[in-house]
Amino acid sequence: MDLILPCLDEALALPWIMKRLPAGVRAIVVDNGSADGSAEVAVALGARVISCEQRGYGAACHAGLLASDAELVGFCDCDGSVDPAVVPAFAELVSSGASDLVVGRRRPVSAGAWPLHARLANTGLSWWLRRTTGAQLHDIGPLRVARRVCLLGLGPIDRRSGYPLETVVLAARAGWKITECDIAYRPRAGRSKVTGTVSGTLRAVQDMSAVLAR
């Protein structure tokens, strides 16, 4: 399977991520305009690297999805907050037919791993998601696994922070079996572009609210 890693200035996190990558899982690092040499670091560590000129988390995710040729694909934040070693367990739920989409539910390992403002925003969006779609999820998770062809068939259009949420909304409306699994959530390497600041979180909330409003 392929693990798609949207990447914007994540040179500090990439060595740990690649070291933890399970056998049989290929990393596709989607460089989204990094200025810290992330692409070169990823290549040196053995990842497949593609470039996405359109800025935005969703743009990078979708570029990786289009570049993949694997049956199963996963999306994972490229900041070292999630251990990719858990990916095979997610993939097994999909390949066995037990689930169509598996989403990680963050369980912080320390107080600073998930800032309060970001956690509160996620709680509100998750409630709105459950109310709107009936999908019993409690997190717009940083790790998601499904079949590549099925994901392409959903036709997500968001190219910013709303992409993960839109994937779940479209999957729920299509009648997919969606499973939520706990994952340890670690402090990220470096400074977050989204959850690390109130302004970044507000932009993400705006993007996701637009998805739910549609």
N, C-alpha and C. Protein backbone atom coordinates (compact mmCIF):
# COMPACT_ATOMS: atom_id res chain seq x y z
N MET A 1 0.84 -1.19 0.00
CA MET A 1 0.00 0.00 0.00
C MET A 1 0.88 1.24 0.00
N ASP A 2 0.27 2.38 -0.31
CA ASP A 2 0.98 3.65 -0.30
C ASP A 2 0.49 4.51 0.86
N LEU A 3 1.43 5.17 1.52
CA LEU A 3 1.11 6.13 2.56
C LEU A 3 1.47 7.51 2.04
N ILE A 4 0.44 8.34 1.84
CA ILE A 4 0.63 9.67 1.27
C ILE A 4 0.90 10.65 2.41
N LEU A 5 2.01 11.37 2.27
CA LEU A 5 2.46 12.29 3.30
C LEU A 5 2.53 13.71 2.74
N PRO A 6 1.48 14.51 2.91
CA PRO A 6 1.51 15.90 2.46
C PRO A 6 2.58 16.66 3.26
N CYS A 7 3.46 17.35 2.57
CA CYS A 7 4.65 17.86 3.23
C CYS A 7 4.90 19.33 2.92
N LEU A 8 4.99 20.14 3.99
CA LEU A 8 5.39 21.53 3.87
C LEU A 8 6.36 21.82 5.01
N ASP A 9 7.64 21.85 4.67
CA ASP A 9 8.70 22.13 5.65
C ASP A 9 8.68 21.15 6.82
N GLU A 10 8.87 19.87 6.50
CA GLU A 10 8.86 18.82 7.53
C GLU A 10 10.17 18.04 7.56
N ALA A 11 11.28 18.70 7.24
CA ALA A 11 12.58 18.02 7.21
C ALA A 11 12.95 17.41 8.56
N LEU A 12 12.52 18.04 9.65
CA LEU A 12 12.85 17.53 10.98
C LEU A 12 12.13 16.22 11.29
N ALA A 13 10.91 16.07 10.79
CA ALA A 13 10.09 14.90 11.12
C ALA A 13 10.35 13.71 10.21
N LEU A 14 10.78 13.96 8.99
CA LEU A 14 10.88 12.89 7.99
C LEU A 14 11.77 11.72 8.39
N PRO A 15 12.94 11.93 8.98
CA PRO A 15 13.77 10.77 9.35
C PRO A 15 13.06 9.81 10.30
N TRP A 16 12.35 10.34 11.30
CA TRP A 16 11.63 9.47 12.24
C TRP A 16 10.49 8.75 11.53
N ILE A 17 9.76 9.45 10.69
CA ILE A 17 8.64 8.84 9.97
C ILE A 17 9.14 7.69 9.09
N MET A 18 10.18 7.93 8.33
CA MET A 18 10.68 6.90 7.42
C MET A 18 11.25 5.71 8.20
N LYS A 19 11.84 5.97 9.35
CA LYS A 19 12.36 4.88 10.18
C LYS A 19 11.24 4.00 10.71
N ARG A 20 10.08 4.59 10.96
CA ARG A 20 8.95 3.87 11.52
C ARG A 20 8.03 3.27 10.45
N LEU A 21 8.35 3.48 9.20
CA LEU A 21 7.48 3.01 8.11
C LEU A 21 7.50 1.47 8.07
N PRO A 22 6.35 0.81 8.14
CA PRO A 22 6.33 -0.66 8.15
C PRO A 22 6.72 -1.25 6.79
N ALA A 23 7.17 -2.48 6.81
CA ALA A 23 7.47 -3.19 5.57
C ALA A 23 6.20 -3.33 4.75
N GLY A 24 6.33 -3.15 3.44
CA GLY A 24 5.19 -3.26 2.56
C GLY A 24 4.40 -1.98 2.40
N VAL A 25 4.82 -0.92 3.08
CA VAL A 25 4.16 0.37 2.96
C VAL A 25 5.13 1.34 2.29
N ARG A 26 4.73 1.89 1.15
CA ARG A 26 5.58 2.83 0.41
C ARG A 26 5.17 4.25 0.73
N ALA A 27 6.15 5.08 1.03
CA ALA A 27 5.87 6.48 1.33
C ALA A 27 5.87 7.31 0.05
N ILE A 28 4.78 8.07 -0.14
CA ILE A 28 4.73 9.08 -1.19
C ILE A 28 4.70 10.44 -0.51
N VAL A 29 5.83 11.12 -0.54
CA VAL A 29 5.92 12.45 0.07
C VAL A 29 5.54 13.48 -0.99
N VAL A 30 4.52 14.25 -0.70
CA VAL A 30 4.04 15.27 -1.64
C VAL A 30 4.53 16.62 -1.17
N ASP A 31 5.58 17.12 -1.82
CA ASP A 31 6.16 18.39 -1.41
C ASP A 31 5.28 19.53 -1.90
N ASN A 32 4.86 20.37 -0.95
CA ASN A 32 3.90 21.44 -1.25
C ASN A 32 4.53 22.83 -1.15
N GLY A 33 5.79 22.89 -1.60
CA GLY A 33 6.48 24.18 -1.60
C GLY A 33 7.42 24.37 -0.43
N SER A 34 8.01 23.29 0.06
CA SER A 34 8.91 23.37 1.21
C SER A 34 10.14 24.21 0.89
N ALA A 35 10.61 24.94 1.92
CA ALA A 35 11.81 25.75 1.78
C ALA A 35 12.94 25.25 2.67
N ASP A 36 12.73 24.10 3.31
CA ASP A 36 13.73 23.59 4.26
C ASP A 36 14.45 22.34 3.77
N GLY A 37 14.30 22.03 2.46
CA GLY A 37 14.96 20.85 1.92
C GLY A 37 14.24 19.55 2.19
N SER A 38 12.96 19.62 2.53
CA SER A 38 12.19 18.40 2.82
C SER A 38 12.24 17.39 1.68
N ALA A 39 12.09 17.86 0.46
CA ALA A 39 12.07 16.95 -0.69
C ALA A 39 13.38 16.19 -0.80
N GLU A 40 14.49 16.89 -0.63
CA GLU A 40 15.80 16.23 -0.72
C GLU A 40 16.00 15.23 0.41
N VAL A 41 15.55 15.59 1.61
CA VAL A 41 15.63 14.67 2.74
C VAL A 41 14.82 13.41 2.47
N ALA A 42 13.62 13.58 1.96
CA ALA A 42 12.74 12.44 1.68
C ALA A 42 13.35 11.52 0.63
N VAL A 43 13.91 12.09 -0.42
CA VAL A 43 14.55 11.28 -1.47
C VAL A 43 15.70 10.48 -0.88
N ALA A 44 16.53 11.13 -0.06
CA ALA A 44 17.68 10.46 0.54
C ALA A 44 17.26 9.31 1.45
N LEU A 45 16.07 9.43 2.02
CA LEU A 45 15.57 8.39 2.93
C LEU A 45 14.80 7.29 2.21
N GLY A 46 14.67 7.40 0.89
CA GLY A 46 14.05 6.34 0.10
C GLY A 46 12.59 6.53 -0.23
N ALA A 47 12.04 7.68 0.05
CA ALA A 47 10.64 7.93 -0.27
C ALA A 47 10.48 8.29 -1.75
N ARG A 48 9.32 8.01 -2.28
CA ARG A 48 8.97 8.56 -3.58
C ARG A 48 8.48 9.98 -3.34
N VAL A 49 9.01 10.93 -4.07
CA VAL A 49 8.67 12.33 -3.85
C VAL A 49 8.06 12.91 -5.11
N ILE A 50 6.91 13.56 -4.96
CA ILE A 50 6.29 14.29 -6.06
C ILE A 50 6.07 15.72 -5.61
N SER A 51 5.95 16.62 -6.55
CA SER A 51 5.75 18.02 -6.24
C SER A 51 4.31 18.42 -6.55
N CYS A 52 3.73 19.23 -5.66
CA CYS A 52 2.38 19.77 -5.86
C CYS A 52 2.49 21.29 -5.80
N GLU A 53 2.35 21.94 -6.95
CA GLU A 53 2.51 23.39 -6.99
C GLU A 53 1.32 24.13 -6.37
N GLN A 54 0.13 23.56 -6.47
CA GLN A 54 -1.03 24.20 -5.86
C GLN A 54 -0.93 24.09 -4.34
N ARG A 55 -0.89 25.21 -3.65
CA ARG A 55 -0.74 25.17 -2.20
C ARG A 55 -2.04 24.73 -1.54
N GLY A 56 -1.89 24.00 -0.44
CA GLY A 56 -3.05 23.55 0.32
C GLY A 56 -2.92 22.09 0.69
N TYR A 57 -3.34 21.77 1.91
CA TYR A 57 -3.27 20.39 2.39
C TYR A 57 -4.04 19.44 1.49
N GLY A 58 -5.25 19.84 1.11
CA GLY A 58 -6.06 18.99 0.25
C GLY A 58 -5.46 18.80 -1.12
N ALA A 59 -4.85 19.86 -1.65
CA ALA A 59 -4.20 19.76 -2.96
C ALA A 59 -3.09 18.73 -2.91
N ALA A 60 -2.29 18.75 -1.83
CA ALA A 60 -1.20 17.79 -1.69
C ALA A 60 -1.73 16.37 -1.52
N CYS A 61 -2.77 16.21 -0.70
CA CYS A 61 -3.38 14.88 -0.52
C CYS A 61 -3.86 14.31 -1.84
N HIS A 62 -4.58 15.13 -2.60
CA HIS A 62 -5.17 14.63 -3.84
C HIS A 62 -4.10 14.36 -4.89
N ALA A 63 -3.04 15.17 -4.92
CA ALA A 63 -1.94 14.90 -5.84
C ALA A 63 -1.31 13.54 -5.53
N GLY A 64 -1.16 13.23 -4.26
CA GLY A 64 -0.62 11.93 -3.89
C GLY A 64 -1.54 10.79 -4.27
N LEU A 65 -2.84 11.01 -4.10
CA LEU A 65 -3.82 9.99 -4.48
C LEU A 65 -3.77 9.72 -5.98
N LEU A 66 -3.66 10.76 -6.78
CA LEU A 66 -3.58 10.60 -8.23
C LEU A 66 -2.28 9.92 -8.66
N ALA A 67 -1.22 10.15 -7.89
CA ALA A 67 0.09 9.57 -8.24
C ALA A 67 0.20 8.10 -7.84
N SER A 68 -0.61 7.66 -6.89
CA SER A 68 -0.52 6.29 -6.39
C SER A 68 -1.10 5.30 -7.39
N ASP A 69 -0.57 4.09 -7.35
CA ASP A 69 -1.15 3.00 -8.14
C ASP A 69 -1.44 1.78 -7.25
N ALA A 70 -1.43 2.00 -5.94
CA ALA A 70 -1.66 0.91 -4.99
C ALA A 70 -3.15 0.66 -4.80
N GLU A 71 -3.48 -0.54 -4.35
CA GLU A 71 -4.88 -0.85 -4.07
C GLU A 71 -5.37 -0.08 -2.85
N LEU A 72 -4.56 -0.05 -1.80
CA LEU A 72 -4.91 0.66 -0.59
C LEU A 72 -4.01 1.87 -0.44
N VAL A 73 -4.58 2.97 0.05
CA VAL A 73 -3.79 4.16 0.33
C VAL A 73 -4.15 4.70 1.70
N GLY A 74 -3.17 5.33 2.31
CA GLY A 74 -3.39 6.02 3.56
C GLY A 74 -2.92 7.45 3.44
N PHE A 75 -3.49 8.31 4.24
CA PHE A 75 -3.05 9.70 4.34
C PHE A 75 -2.60 9.91 5.78
N CYS A 76 -1.43 10.50 5.96
CA CYS A 76 -0.92 10.71 7.31
C CYS A 76 -0.21 12.05 7.38
N ASP A 77 -0.45 12.78 8.47
CA ASP A 77 0.28 14.03 8.67
C ASP A 77 1.78 13.74 8.70
N CYS A 78 2.55 14.63 8.13
CA CYS A 78 3.98 14.42 7.95
C CYS A 78 4.79 15.19 8.99
N ASP A 79 4.26 15.30 10.21
CA ASP A 79 4.91 16.12 11.22
C ASP A 79 5.45 15.32 12.40
N GLY A 80 5.36 13.99 12.32
CA GLY A 80 5.87 13.15 13.40
C GLY A 80 4.92 12.98 14.56
N SER A 81 3.68 13.46 14.42
CA SER A 81 2.72 13.33 15.52
C SER A 81 2.03 11.97 15.55
N VAL A 82 2.08 11.25 14.44
CA VAL A 82 1.43 9.94 14.33
C VAL A 82 2.46 8.91 13.90
N ASP A 83 2.48 7.78 14.60
CA ASP A 83 3.42 6.70 14.29
C ASP A 83 2.89 5.89 13.11
N PRO A 84 3.60 5.87 11.98
CA PRO A 84 3.11 5.10 10.82
C PRO A 84 3.11 3.60 11.05
N ALA A 85 3.69 3.14 12.15
CA ALA A 85 3.68 1.71 12.44
C ALA A 85 2.27 1.16 12.62
N VAL A 86 1.28 2.02 12.88
CA VAL A 86 -0.10 1.55 13.08
C VAL A 86 -0.84 1.35 11.76
N VAL A 87 -0.24 1.77 10.65
CA VAL A 87 -0.94 1.73 9.36
C VAL A 87 -1.39 0.32 8.96
N PRO A 88 -0.56 -0.74 9.12
CA PRO A 88 -1.03 -2.07 8.71
C PRO A 88 -2.31 -2.52 9.41
N ALA A 89 -2.50 -2.16 10.66
CA ALA A 89 -3.73 -2.54 11.36
C ALA A 89 -4.94 -1.85 10.74
N PHE A 90 -4.77 -0.59 10.32
CA PHE A 90 -5.84 0.11 9.63
C PHE A 90 -6.12 -0.55 8.29
N ALA A 91 -5.04 -0.88 7.57
CA ALA A 91 -5.18 -1.48 6.24
C ALA A 91 -5.88 -2.83 6.31
N GLU A 92 -5.62 -3.60 7.35
CA GLU A 92 -6.24 -4.92 7.49
C GLU A 92 -7.75 -4.80 7.62
N LEU A 93 -8.23 -3.80 8.30
CA LEU A 93 -9.68 -3.60 8.43
C LEU A 93 -10.33 -3.34 7.08
N VAL A 94 -9.61 -2.63 6.20
CA VAL A 94 -10.14 -2.35 4.87
C VAL A 94 -10.02 -3.56 3.96
N SER A 95 -8.86 -4.18 3.94
CA SER A 95 -8.64 -5.32 3.03
C SER A 95 -9.51 -6.51 3.40
N SER A 96 -9.88 -6.64 4.67
CA SER A 96 -10.73 -7.75 5.10
C SER A 96 -12.20 -7.51 4.81
N GLY A 97 -12.54 -6.27 4.47
CA GLY A 97 -13.94 -5.93 4.23
C GLY A 97 -14.68 -5.48 5.47
N ALA A 98 -13.98 -5.43 6.60
CA ALA A 98 -14.64 -5.00 7.83
C ALA A 98 -14.98 -3.52 7.80
N SER A 99 -14.25 -2.76 7.01
CA SER A 99 -14.49 -1.32 6.92
C SER A 99 -14.13 -0.83 5.53
N ASP A 100 -14.75 0.27 5.12
CA ASP A 100 -14.40 0.91 3.85
C ASP A 100 -13.44 2.07 4.06
N LEU A 101 -13.52 2.68 5.23
CA LEU A 101 -12.67 3.82 5.56
C LEU A 101 -12.35 3.75 7.05
N VAL A 102 -11.06 3.80 7.37
CA VAL A 102 -10.64 3.77 8.77
C VAL A 102 -10.00 5.12 9.10
N VAL A 103 -10.46 5.72 10.17
CA VAL A 103 -10.02 7.06 10.57
C VAL A 103 -9.41 6.99 11.97
N GLY A 104 -8.27 7.64 12.16
CA GLY A 104 -7.63 7.65 13.46
C GLY A 104 -8.26 8.68 14.39
N ARG A 105 -8.47 8.28 15.64
CA ARG A 105 -8.94 9.19 16.68
C ARG A 105 -7.78 9.52 17.61
N ARG A 106 -7.41 10.77 17.66
CA ARG A 106 -6.23 11.18 18.43
C ARG A 106 -6.42 11.02 19.93
N ARG A 107 -5.42 10.39 20.55
CA ARG A 107 -5.33 10.29 22.00
C ARG A 107 -3.98 10.87 22.40
N PRO A 108 -3.95 12.13 22.86
CA PRO A 108 -2.68 12.80 23.14
C PRO A 108 -1.86 12.06 24.21
N VAL A 109 -0.55 11.96 23.96
CA VAL A 109 0.33 11.30 24.92
C VAL A 109 0.87 12.29 25.94
N SER A 110 0.67 13.59 25.70
CA SER A 110 1.11 14.61 26.64
C SER A 110 0.20 15.83 26.49
N ALA A 111 0.23 16.71 27.50
CA ALA A 111 -0.66 17.86 27.50
C ALA A 111 -0.40 18.79 26.33
N GLY A 112 0.84 18.88 25.88
CA GLY A 112 1.16 19.81 24.81
C GLY A 112 1.02 19.25 23.41
N ALA A 113 0.64 17.99 23.30
CA ALA A 113 0.57 17.37 21.97
C ALA A 113 -0.56 17.95 21.12
N TRP A 114 -1.65 18.32 21.77
CA TRP A 114 -2.83 18.80 21.05
C TRP A 114 -3.35 20.03 21.76
N PRO A 115 -3.03 21.24 21.28
CA PRO A 115 -3.43 22.47 21.96
C PRO A 115 -4.94 22.54 22.19
N LEU A 116 -5.32 23.19 23.29
CA LEU A 116 -6.72 23.24 23.68
C LEU A 116 -7.59 23.87 22.61
N HIS A 117 -7.14 24.95 21.98
CA HIS A 117 -7.98 25.61 20.98
C HIS A 117 -8.26 24.69 19.80
N ALA A 118 -7.27 23.89 19.42
CA ALA A 118 -7.45 22.96 18.31
C ALA A 118 -8.36 21.80 18.71
N ARG A 119 -8.22 21.35 19.95
CA ARG A 119 -9.07 20.25 20.43
C ARG A 119 -10.53 20.67 20.50
N LEU A 120 -10.77 21.89 20.98
CA LEU A 120 -12.15 22.38 21.06
C LEU A 120 -12.77 22.54 19.67
N ALA A 121 -11.98 23.05 18.73
CA ALA A 121 -12.47 23.20 17.36
C ALA A 121 -12.83 21.84 16.77
N ASN A 122 -11.98 20.85 17.02
CA ASN A 122 -12.22 19.50 16.51
C ASN A 122 -13.48 18.89 17.12
N THR A 123 -13.69 19.14 18.41
CA THR A 123 -14.88 18.62 19.09
C THR A 123 -16.15 19.18 18.46
N GLY A 124 -16.14 20.49 18.19
CA GLY A 124 -17.31 21.11 17.58
C GLY A 124 -17.57 20.60 16.17
N LEU A 125 -16.52 20.48 15.38
CA LEU A 125 -16.68 19.99 14.01
C LEU A 125 -17.14 18.53 13.98
N SER A 126 -16.60 17.73 14.90
CA SER A 126 -17.00 16.31 14.95
C SER A 126 -18.47 16.17 15.32
N TRP A 127 -18.92 17.01 16.26
CA TRP A 127 -20.36 16.99 16.62
C TRP A 127 -21.20 17.36 15.41
N TRP A 128 -20.79 18.37 14.70
CA TRP A 128 -21.52 18.82 13.50
C TRP A 128 -21.52 17.71 12.45
N LEU A 129 -20.39 17.02 12.32
CA LEU A 129 -20.30 15.91 11.36
C LEU A 129 -21.28 14.80 11.74
N ARG A 130 -21.32 14.42 13.01
CA ARG A 130 -22.23 13.35 13.44
C ARG A 130 -23.68 13.76 13.21
N ARG A 131 -23.99 15.00 13.53
CA ARG A 131 -25.36 15.49 13.37
C ARG A 131 -25.76 15.56 11.90
N THR A 132 -24.81 15.91 11.03
CA THR A 132 -25.11 16.09 9.61
C THR A 132 -25.18 14.77 8.85
N THR A 133 -24.27 13.84 9.15
CA THR A 133 -24.14 12.62 8.35
C THR A 133 -24.52 11.35 9.09
N GLY A 134 -24.53 11.38 10.41
CA GLY A 134 -24.76 10.17 11.17
C GLY A 134 -23.52 9.35 11.40
N ALA A 135 -22.40 9.74 10.79
CA ALA A 135 -21.14 9.01 11.00
C ALA A 135 -20.67 9.21 12.43
N GLN A 136 -20.47 8.11 13.16
CA GLN A 136 -20.13 8.19 14.57
C GLN A 136 -18.62 8.37 14.77
N LEU A 137 -18.15 9.54 14.41
CA LEU A 137 -16.74 9.88 14.55
C LEU A 137 -16.58 11.01 15.56
N HIS A 138 -15.44 10.98 16.24
CA HIS A 138 -15.15 11.98 17.27
C HIS A 138 -13.89 12.77 16.96
N ASP A 139 -13.35 12.57 15.77
CA ASP A 139 -12.13 13.27 15.37
C ASP A 139 -12.07 13.36 13.86
N ILE A 140 -11.61 14.50 13.36
CA ILE A 140 -11.29 14.63 11.93
C ILE A 140 -9.83 14.23 11.82
N GLY A 141 -9.59 12.93 11.82
CA GLY A 141 -8.29 12.36 12.12
C GLY A 141 -7.16 12.66 11.15
N PRO A 142 -5.92 12.62 11.66
CA PRO A 142 -4.73 12.85 10.84
C PRO A 142 -4.26 11.60 10.10
N LEU A 143 -4.94 10.47 10.30
CA LEU A 143 -4.60 9.23 9.61
C LEU A 143 -5.87 8.59 9.08
N ARG A 144 -5.87 8.31 7.77
CA ARG A 144 -7.05 7.73 7.14
C ARG A 144 -6.59 6.69 6.11
N VAL A 145 -7.29 5.55 6.02
CA VAL A 145 -6.94 4.48 5.08
C VAL A 145 -8.20 4.00 4.37
N ALA A 146 -8.09 3.80 3.05
CA ALA A 146 -9.21 3.30 2.25
C ALA A 146 -8.66 2.76 0.94
N ARG A 147 -9.55 2.25 0.08
CA ARG A 147 -9.14 1.79 -1.25
C ARG A 147 -9.01 3.01 -2.18
N ARG A 148 -7.94 3.01 -2.95
CA ARG A 148 -7.64 4.16 -3.81
C ARG A 148 -8.75 4.43 -4.81
N VAL A 149 -9.21 3.40 -5.51
CA VAL A 149 -10.23 3.58 -6.54
C VAL A 149 -11.52 4.13 -5.94
N CYS A 150 -11.87 3.65 -4.76
CA CYS A 150 -13.09 4.12 -4.11
C CYS A 150 -12.96 5.58 -3.69
N LEU A 151 -11.79 5.96 -3.20
CA LEU A 151 -11.57 7.36 -2.83
C LEU A 151 -11.68 8.28 -4.04
N LEU A 152 -11.10 7.86 -5.15
CA LEU A 152 -11.20 8.66 -6.37
C LEU A 152 -12.65 8.80 -6.81
N GLY A 153 -13.42 7.75 -6.59
CA GLY A 153 -14.83 7.77 -6.98
C GLY A 153 -15.66 8.74 -6.17
N LEU A 154 -15.20 9.09 -4.97
CA LEU A 154 -15.94 10.05 -4.15
C LEU A 154 -15.92 11.44 -4.77
N GLY A 155 -14.84 11.77 -5.47
CA GLY A 155 -14.74 13.06 -6.15
C GLY A 155 -14.63 14.27 -5.24
N PRO A 156 -13.77 14.26 -4.21
CA PRO A 156 -13.64 15.43 -3.34
C PRO A 156 -13.11 16.63 -4.12
N ILE A 157 -13.61 17.82 -3.78
CA ILE A 157 -13.21 19.03 -4.51
C ILE A 157 -12.43 20.01 -3.64
N ASP A 158 -12.48 19.87 -2.33
CA ASP A 158 -11.75 20.78 -1.46
C ASP A 158 -10.25 20.55 -1.62
N ARG A 159 -9.49 21.63 -1.66
CA ARG A 159 -8.04 21.51 -1.80
C ARG A 159 -7.32 22.22 -0.66
N ARG A 160 -8.03 22.51 0.39
CA ARG A 160 -7.43 23.15 1.56
C ARG A 160 -7.58 22.23 2.77
N SER A 161 -7.82 22.80 3.91
CA SER A 161 -7.88 22.01 5.14
C SER A 161 -9.15 21.18 5.26
N GLY A 162 -10.13 21.44 4.41
CA GLY A 162 -11.38 20.69 4.48
C GLY A 162 -11.35 19.32 3.84
N TYR A 163 -10.24 18.97 3.18
CA TYR A 163 -10.17 17.71 2.43
C TYR A 163 -10.46 16.47 3.28
N PRO A 164 -9.84 16.32 4.46
CA PRO A 164 -10.14 15.11 5.26
C PRO A 164 -11.61 15.01 5.64
N LEU A 165 -12.18 16.14 6.05
CA LEU A 165 -13.58 16.14 6.44
C LEU A 165 -14.48 15.84 5.25
N GLU A 166 -14.17 16.42 4.10
CA GLU A 166 -14.99 16.17 2.92
C GLU A 166 -14.96 14.69 2.54
N THR A 167 -13.80 14.06 2.69
CA THR A 167 -13.70 12.63 2.41
C THR A 167 -14.67 11.84 3.28
N VAL A 168 -14.72 12.17 4.57
CA VAL A 168 -15.60 11.46 5.49
C VAL A 168 -17.07 11.74 5.17
N VAL A 169 -17.39 13.00 4.89
CA VAL A 169 -18.77 13.36 4.57
C VAL A 169 -19.25 12.61 3.33
N LEU A 170 -18.44 12.62 2.27
CA LEU A 170 -18.82 11.94 1.03
C LEU A 170 -18.93 10.43 1.24
N ALA A 171 -18.01 9.87 2.03
CA ALA A 171 -18.05 8.44 2.30
C ALA A 171 -19.31 8.07 3.08
N ALA A 172 -19.67 8.88 4.06
CA ALA A 172 -20.88 8.62 4.85
C ALA A 172 -22.12 8.68 3.97
N ARG A 173 -22.18 9.67 3.10
CA ARG A 173 -23.34 9.82 2.23
C ARG A 173 -23.43 8.70 1.21
N ALA A 174 -22.27 8.10 0.89
CA ALA A 174 -22.24 6.98 -0.05
C ALA A 174 -22.52 5.64 0.62
N GLY A 175 -22.72 5.67 1.93
CA GLY A 175 -23.05 4.44 2.65
C GLY A 175 -21.85 3.59 3.03
N TRP A 176 -20.68 4.17 3.07
CA TRP A 176 -19.48 3.41 3.43
C TRP A 176 -19.53 2.98 4.89
N LYS A 177 -18.87 1.85 5.17
CA LYS A 177 -18.63 1.44 6.56
C LYS A 177 -17.40 2.20 7.05
N ILE A 178 -17.58 3.06 8.04
CA ILE A 178 -16.50 3.89 8.55
C ILE A 178 -16.16 3.47 9.98
N THR A 179 -14.88 3.24 10.21
CA THR A 179 -14.41 2.79 11.52
C THR A 179 -13.46 3.82 12.11
N GLU A 180 -13.59 4.06 13.39
CA GLU A 180 -12.69 4.97 14.09
C GLU A 180 -11.82 4.17 15.05
N CYS A 181 -10.51 4.36 14.97
CA CYS A 181 -9.56 3.64 15.82
C CYS A 181 -8.67 4.63 16.57
N ASP A 182 -8.44 4.36 17.83
CA ASP A 182 -7.58 5.23 18.62
C ASP A 182 -6.14 5.17 18.13
N ILE A 183 -5.47 6.32 18.14
CA ILE A 183 -4.05 6.38 17.84
C ILE A 183 -3.38 7.32 18.84
N ALA A 184 -2.16 6.98 19.23
CA ALA A 184 -1.39 7.87 20.09
C ALA A 184 -1.00 9.11 19.30
N TYR A 185 -1.18 10.26 19.91
CA TYR A 185 -0.89 11.54 19.25
C TYR A 185 0.25 12.23 19.99
N ARG A 186 1.38 12.35 19.32
CA ARG A 186 2.61 12.86 19.91
C ARG A 186 2.80 14.35 19.59
N PRO A 187 3.63 15.03 20.36
CA PRO A 187 4.00 16.40 19.97
C PRO A 187 4.68 16.38 18.60
N ARG A 188 4.30 17.26 17.74
CA ARG A 188 4.86 17.29 16.40
C ARG A 188 6.29 17.81 16.42
N ALA A 189 7.04 17.52 15.38
CA ALA A 189 8.37 18.07 15.19
C ALA A 189 8.24 19.44 14.54
N GLY A 190 8.81 20.47 15.14
CA GLY A 190 8.70 21.81 14.57
C GLY A 190 7.37 22.45 14.90
N ARG A 191 7.13 23.60 14.29
CA ARG A 191 5.93 24.39 14.58
C ARG A 191 4.81 24.06 13.61
N SER A 192 3.62 23.87 14.15
CA SER A 192 2.47 23.53 13.31
C SER A 192 2.00 24.73 12.51
N LYS A 193 1.58 24.45 11.26
CA LYS A 193 0.98 25.50 10.43
C LYS A 193 -0.51 25.66 10.71
N VAL A 194 -1.11 24.68 11.37
CA VAL A 194 -2.56 24.72 11.62
C VAL A 194 -2.85 24.74 13.11
N THR A 195 -2.69 23.59 13.77
CA THR A 195 -3.10 23.49 15.17
C THR A 195 -2.20 24.27 16.12
N GLY A 196 -1.00 24.62 15.67
CA GLY A 196 -0.08 25.32 16.55
C GLY A 196 -0.43 26.77 16.79
N THR A 197 -1.31 27.34 15.99
CA THR A 197 -1.70 28.74 16.16
C THR A 197 -3.22 28.86 16.12
N VAL A 198 -3.73 29.87 16.82
CA VAL A 198 -5.18 30.10 16.80
C VAL A 198 -5.62 30.49 15.39
N SER A 199 -4.84 31.33 14.71
CA SER A 199 -5.23 31.76 13.36
C SER A 199 -5.25 30.60 12.39
N GLY A 200 -4.27 29.69 12.51
CA GLY A 200 -4.25 28.52 11.64
C GLY A 200 -5.44 27.62 11.89
N THR A 201 -5.78 27.44 13.17
CA THR A 201 -6.95 26.63 13.51
C THR A 201 -8.23 27.27 12.98
N LEU A 202 -8.35 28.57 13.09
CA LEU A 202 -9.54 29.27 12.59
C LEU A 202 -9.68 29.11 11.08
N ARG A 203 -8.55 29.16 10.35
CA ARG A 203 -8.62 28.95 8.90
C ARG A 203 -9.10 27.54 8.59
N ALA A 204 -8.60 26.56 9.34
CA ALA A 204 -9.02 25.18 9.12
C ALA A 204 -10.50 25.00 9.43
N VAL A 205 -10.96 25.62 10.52
CA VAL A 205 -12.38 25.55 10.88
C VAL A 205 -13.23 26.17 9.78
N GLN A 206 -12.78 27.28 9.23
CA GLN A 206 -13.52 27.93 8.14
C GLN A 206 -13.63 27.01 6.93
N ASP A 207 -12.52 26.38 6.57
CA ASP A 207 -12.54 25.45 5.44
C ASP A 207 -13.49 24.28 5.69
N MET A 208 -13.41 23.71 6.88
CA MET A 208 -14.24 22.54 7.19
C MET A 208 -15.71 22.92 7.33
N SER A 209 -15.97 24.10 7.87
CA SER A 209 -17.36 24.55 7.98
C SER A 209 -17.98 24.72 6.60
N ALA A 210 -17.17 25.19 5.64
CA ALA A 210 -17.66 25.33 4.27
C ALA A 210 -18.02 23.98 3.68
N VAL A 211 -17.24 22.96 3.99
CA VAL A 211 -17.53 21.60 3.52
C VAL A 211 -18.87 21.13 4.09
N LEU A 212 -19.06 21.28 5.39
CA LEU A 212 -20.30 20.83 6.02
C LEU A 212 -21.50 21.63 5.53
N ALA A 213 -21.28 22.90 5.23
CA ALA A 213 -22.38 23.73 4.72
C ALA A 213 -22.84 23.29 3.35
N ARG A 214 -21.91 22.71 2.57
CA ARG A 214 -22.29 22.21 1.25
C ARG A 214 -23.15 20.98 1.35
